[in-house]
Structure formats: C-alpha cells, structure tokens
PDB file of N, CA and C in Angstrom:
ATOM      1  N   LEU A   1      92.715  93.567  96.170  1.00  0.00           N
ATOM      2  CA  LEU A   1      92.908  92.134  96.409  1.00  0.00           C
ATOM      3  C   LEU A   1      94.327  91.852  96.886  1.00  0.00           C
ATOM      4  N   ASN A   2      95.298  92.544  96.307  1.00  0.00           N
ATOM      5  CA  ASN A   2      96.683  92.322  96.717  1.00  0.00           C
ATOM      6  C   ASN A   2      96.897  92.692  98.178  1.00  0.00           C
ATOM      7  N   LEU A   3      96.291  93.790  98.600  1.00  0.00           N
ATOM      8  CA  LEU A   3      96.444  94.218  99.990  1.00  0.00           C
ATOM      9  C   LEU A   3      95.867  93.186 100.945  1.00  0.00           C
ATOM     10  N   ILE A   4      94.724  92.605 100.562  1.00  0.00           N
ATOM     11  CA  ILE A   4      94.097  91.581 101.398  1.00  0.00           C
ATOM     12  C   ILE A   4      94.992  90.350 101.475  1.00  0.00           C
ATOM     13  N   ASN A   5      95.595  89.965 100.351  1.00  0.00           N
ATOM     14  CA  ASN A   5      96.487  88.801 100.352  1.00  0.00           C
ATOM     15  C   ASN A   5      97.678  89.019 101.273  1.00  0.00           C
ATOM     16  N   VAL A   6      98.228  90.225 101.262  1.00  0.00           N
ATOM     17  CA  VAL A   6      99.352  90.548 102.142  1.00  0.00           C
ATOM     18  C   VAL A   6      98.915  90.443 103.598  1.00  0.00           C
ATOM     19  N   ASN A   7      97.714  90.931 103.891  1.00  0.00           N
ATOM     20  CA  ASN A   7      97.237  90.961 105.271  1.00  0.00           C
ATOM     21  C   ASN A   7      96.803  89.599 105.800  1.00  0.00           C
ATOM     22  N   GLU A   8      96.647  88.621 104.932  1.00  0.00           N
ATOM     23  CA  GLU A   8      96.269  87.286 105.403  1.00  0.00           C
ATOM     24  C   GLU A   8      97.336  86.708 106.324  1.00  0.00           C
ATOM     25  N   LYS A   9      98.578  87.130 106.141  1.00  0.00           N
ATOM     26  CA  LYS A   9      99.677  86.655 106.985  1.00  0.00           C
ATOM     27  C   LYS A   9      99.560  87.222 108.400  1.00  0.00           C
ATOM     28  N   ILE A  10      98.899  88.365 108.540  1.00  0.00           N
ATOM     29  CA  ILE A  10      98.732  89.001 109.846  1.00  0.00           C
ATOM     30  C   ILE A  10      97.366  88.604 110.395  1.00  0.00           C
ATOM     31  N   ASP A  11      97.363  87.875 111.507  1.00  0.00           N
ATOM     32  CA  ASP A  11      96.104  87.379 112.072  1.00  0.00           C
ATOM     33  C   ASP A  11      95.504  88.438 112.992  1.00  0.00           C
ATOM     34  N   ASN A  12      95.180  89.587 112.421  1.00  0.00           N
ATOM     35  CA  ASN A  12      94.654  90.700 113.204  1.00  0.00           C
ATOM     36  C   ASN A  12      93.751  91.517 112.283  1.00  0.00           C
ATOM     37  N   ASP A  13      92.449  91.475 112.536  1.00  0.00           N
ATOM     38  CA  ASP A  13      91.497  92.147 111.642  1.00  0.00           C
ATOM     39  C   ASP A  13      91.723  93.651 111.570  1.00  0.00           C
ATOM     40  N   ARG A  14      92.188  94.243 112.668  1.00  0.00           N
ATOM     41  CA  ARG A  14      92.381  95.694 112.673  1.00  0.00           C
ATOM     42  C   ARG A  14      93.414  96.137 111.646  1.00  0.00           C
ATOM     43  N   SER A  15      94.333  95.254 111.308  1.00  0.00           N
ATOM     44  CA  SER A  15      95.364  95.618 110.328  1.00  0.00           C
ATOM     45  C   SER A  15      94.761  95.853 108.941  1.00  0.00           C
ATOM     46  N   LYS A  16      93.579  95.280 108.675  1.00  0.00           N
ATOM     47  CA  LYS A  16      92.943  95.428 107.358  1.00  0.00           C
ATOM     48  C   LYS A  16      92.160  96.733 107.239  1.00  0.00           C
ATOM     49  N   ILE A  17      91.732  97.279 108.356  1.00  0.00           N
ATOM     50  CA  ILE A  17      90.820  98.427 108.340  1.00  0.00           C
ATOM     51  C   ILE A  17      91.393  99.638 107.584  1.00  0.00           C
ATOM     52  N   PRO A  18      92.631 100.062 107.849  1.00  0.00           N
ATOM     53  CA  PRO A  18      93.140 101.240 107.122  1.00  0.00           C
ATOM     54  C   PRO A  18      93.143 101.044 105.610  1.00  0.00           C
ATOM     55  N   TYR A  19      93.491  99.833 105.147  1.00  0.00           N
ATOM     56  CA  TYR A  19      93.514  99.570 103.705  1.00  0.00           C
ATOM     57  C   TYR A  19      92.108  99.630 103.125  1.00  0.00           C
ATOM     58  N   LEU A  20      91.139  99.065 103.837  1.00  0.00           N
ATOM     59  CA  LEU A  20      89.756  99.070 103.352  1.00  0.00           C
ATOM     60  C   LEU A  20      89.213 100.490 103.326  1.00  0.00           C
ATOM     61  N   GLU A  21      89.520 101.274 104.380  1.00  0.00           N
ATOM     62  CA  GLU A  21      89.063 102.666 104.418  1.00  0.00           C
ATOM     63  C   GLU A  21      89.700 103.458 103.291  1.00  0.00           C
ATOM     64  N   PHE A  22      90.980 103.221 103.054  1.00  0.00           N
ATOM     65  CA  PHE A  22      91.685 103.926 101.985  1.00  0.00           C
ATOM     66  C   PHE A  22      91.078 103.587 100.628  1.00  0.00           C
ATOM     67  N   SER A  23      90.762 102.324 100.406  1.00  0.00           N
ATOM     68  CA  SER A  23      90.157 101.903  99.138  1.00  0.00           C
ATOM     69  C   SER A  23      88.805 102.576  98.939  1.00  0.00           C
ATOM     70  N   ALA A  24      88.008 102.627  99.999  1.00  0.00           N
ATOM     71  CA  ALA A  24      86.692 103.264  99.915  1.00  0.00           C
ATOM     72  C   ALA A  24      86.851 104.751  99.624  1.00  0.00           C
ATOM     73  N   LEU A  25      87.821 105.375 100.277  1.00  0.00           N
ATOM     74  CA  LEU A  25      88.073 106.801 100.091  1.00  0.00           C
ATOM     75  C   LEU A  25      88.517 107.076  98.660  1.00  0.00           C
ATOM     76  N   LYS A  26      89.398 106.225  98.142  1.00  0.00           N
ATOM     77  CA  LYS A  26      89.892 106.394  96.787  1.00  0.00           C
ATOM     78  C   LYS A  26      88.755 106.257  95.782  1.00  0.00           C
ATOM     79  N   LYS A  27      87.870 105.285  95.993  1.00  0.00           N
ATOM     80  CA  LYS A  27      86.746 105.072  95.082  1.00  0.00           C
ATOM     81  C   LYS A  27      85.811 106.278  95.097  1.00  0.00           C
ATOM     82  N   THR A  28      85.550 106.813  96.291  1.00  0.00           N
ATOM     83  CA  THR A  28      84.677 107.978  96.415  1.00  0.00           C
ATOM     84  C   THR A  28      85.276 109.158  95.666  1.00  0.00           C
ATOM     85  N   ASN A  29      86.568 109.391  95.852  1.00  0.00           N
ATOM     86  CA  ASN A  29      87.230 110.499  95.172  1.00  0.00           C
ATOM     87  C   ASN A  29      87.212 110.310  93.661  1.00  0.00           C
ATOM     88  N   LEU A  30      87.360 109.070  93.220  1.00  0.00           N
ATOM     89  CA  LEU A  30      87.334 108.774  91.787  1.00  0.00           C
ATOM     90  C   LEU A  30      85.953 109.070  91.212  1.00  0.00           C
ATOM     91  N   ASP A  31      84.898 108.702  91.953  1.00  0.00           N
ATOM     92  CA  ASP A  31      83.533 108.988  91.502  1.00  0.00           C
ATOM     93  C   ASP A  31      83.310 110.492  91.399  1.00  0.00           C
ATOM     94  N   LYS A  32      83.813 111.250  92.379  1.00  0.00           N
ATOM     95  CA  LYS A  32      83.674 112.706  92.340  1.00  0.00           C
ATOM     96  C   LYS A  32      84.412 113.277  91.145  1.00  0.00           C
ATOM     97  N   LEU A  33      85.609 112.748  90.893  1.00  0.00           N
ATOM     98  CA  LEU A  33      86.414 113.224  89.772  1.00  0.00           C
ATOM     99  C   LEU A  33      85.701 112.968  88.449  1.00  0.00           C
ATOM    100  N   LYS A  34      85.123 111.778  88.297  1.00  0.00           N
ATOM    101  CA  LYS A  34      84.389 111.447  87.068  1.00  0.00           C
ATOM    102  C   LYS A  34      83.205 112.391  86.871  1.00  0.00           C
ATOM    103  N   ARG A  35      82.469 112.674  87.949  1.00  0.00           N
ATOM    104  CA  ARG A  35      81.324 113.585  87.846  1.00  0.00           C
ATOM    105  C   ARG A  35      81.782 114.980  87.452  1.00  0.00           C
ATOM    106  N   THR A  36      82.896 115.426  88.052  1.00  0.00           N
ATOM    107  CA  THR A  36      83.428 116.754  87.744  1.00  0.00           C
ATOM    108  C   THR A  36      83.825 116.850  86.279  1.00  0.00           C
ATOM    109  N   ILE A  37      84.511 115.828  85.788  1.00  0.00           N
ATOM    110  CA  ILE A  37      84.937 115.812  84.382  1.00  0.00           C
ATOM    111  C   ILE A  37      83.722 115.815  83.461  1.00  0.00           C
ATOM    112  N   ASN A  38      82.734 114.986  83.769  1.00  0.00           N
ATOM    113  CA  ASN A  38      81.525 114.929  82.939  1.00  0.00           C
ATOM    114  C   ASN A  38      80.812 116.270  82.913  1.00  0.00           C
ATOM    115  N   THR A  39      80.753 116.939  84.062  1.00  0.00           N
ATOM    116  CA  THR A  39      80.106 118.248  84.143  1.00  0.00           C
ATOM    117  C   THR A  39      80.826 119.250  83.256  1.00  0.00           C
ATOM    118  N   HIS A  40      82.154 119.245  83.299  1.00  0.00           N
ATOM    119  CA  HIS A  40      82.933 120.176  82.483  1.00  0.00           C
ATOM    120  C   HIS A  40      82.786 119.869  80.996  1.00  0.00           C
ATOM    121  N   LEU A  41      82.698 118.596  80.652  1.00  0.00           N
ATOM    122  CA  LEU A  41      82.556 118.230  79.243  1.00  0.00           C
ATOM    123  C   LEU A  41      81.196 118.657  78.689  1.00  0.00           C
ATOM    124  N   LYS A  42      80.168 118.609  79.526  1.00  0.00           N
ATOM    125  CA  LYS A  42      78.821 118.979  79.067  1.00  0.00           C
ATOM    126  C   LYS A  42      78.684 120.483  78.869  1.00  0.00           C
ATOM    127  N   ASN A  43      79.436 121.270  79.640  1.00  0.00           N
ATOM    128  CA  ASN A  43      79.299 122.736  79.575  1.00  0.00           C
ATOM    129  C   ASN A  43      80.110 123.353  78.453  1.00  0.00           C
TER     130      ASN A  43
END
C-alpha cells in the first residue's frame, strides 16, 4: 500500500508495474518457503 501511495504522485502506470511484480514475486517465494518449512517439520 505504501508503494502505491508513493506512486500516486507519478502519473504513469508503468511506474507501478515493477513494484507490483516484485510484490507478487515476494509472495510466491514466501509461499514456497512456508511449504518447505512445513515439509521439513513433518519429516
């Protein structure tokens, strides 16, 4: 949300894309990390 607020000052949609992609990438990596940890805990 903070990144979006910062980008509101820039009237250019392309400026938001890297932040959105980074957020999606971070979430995906976090999900993988959680699955990996759960797998190790079960074994």
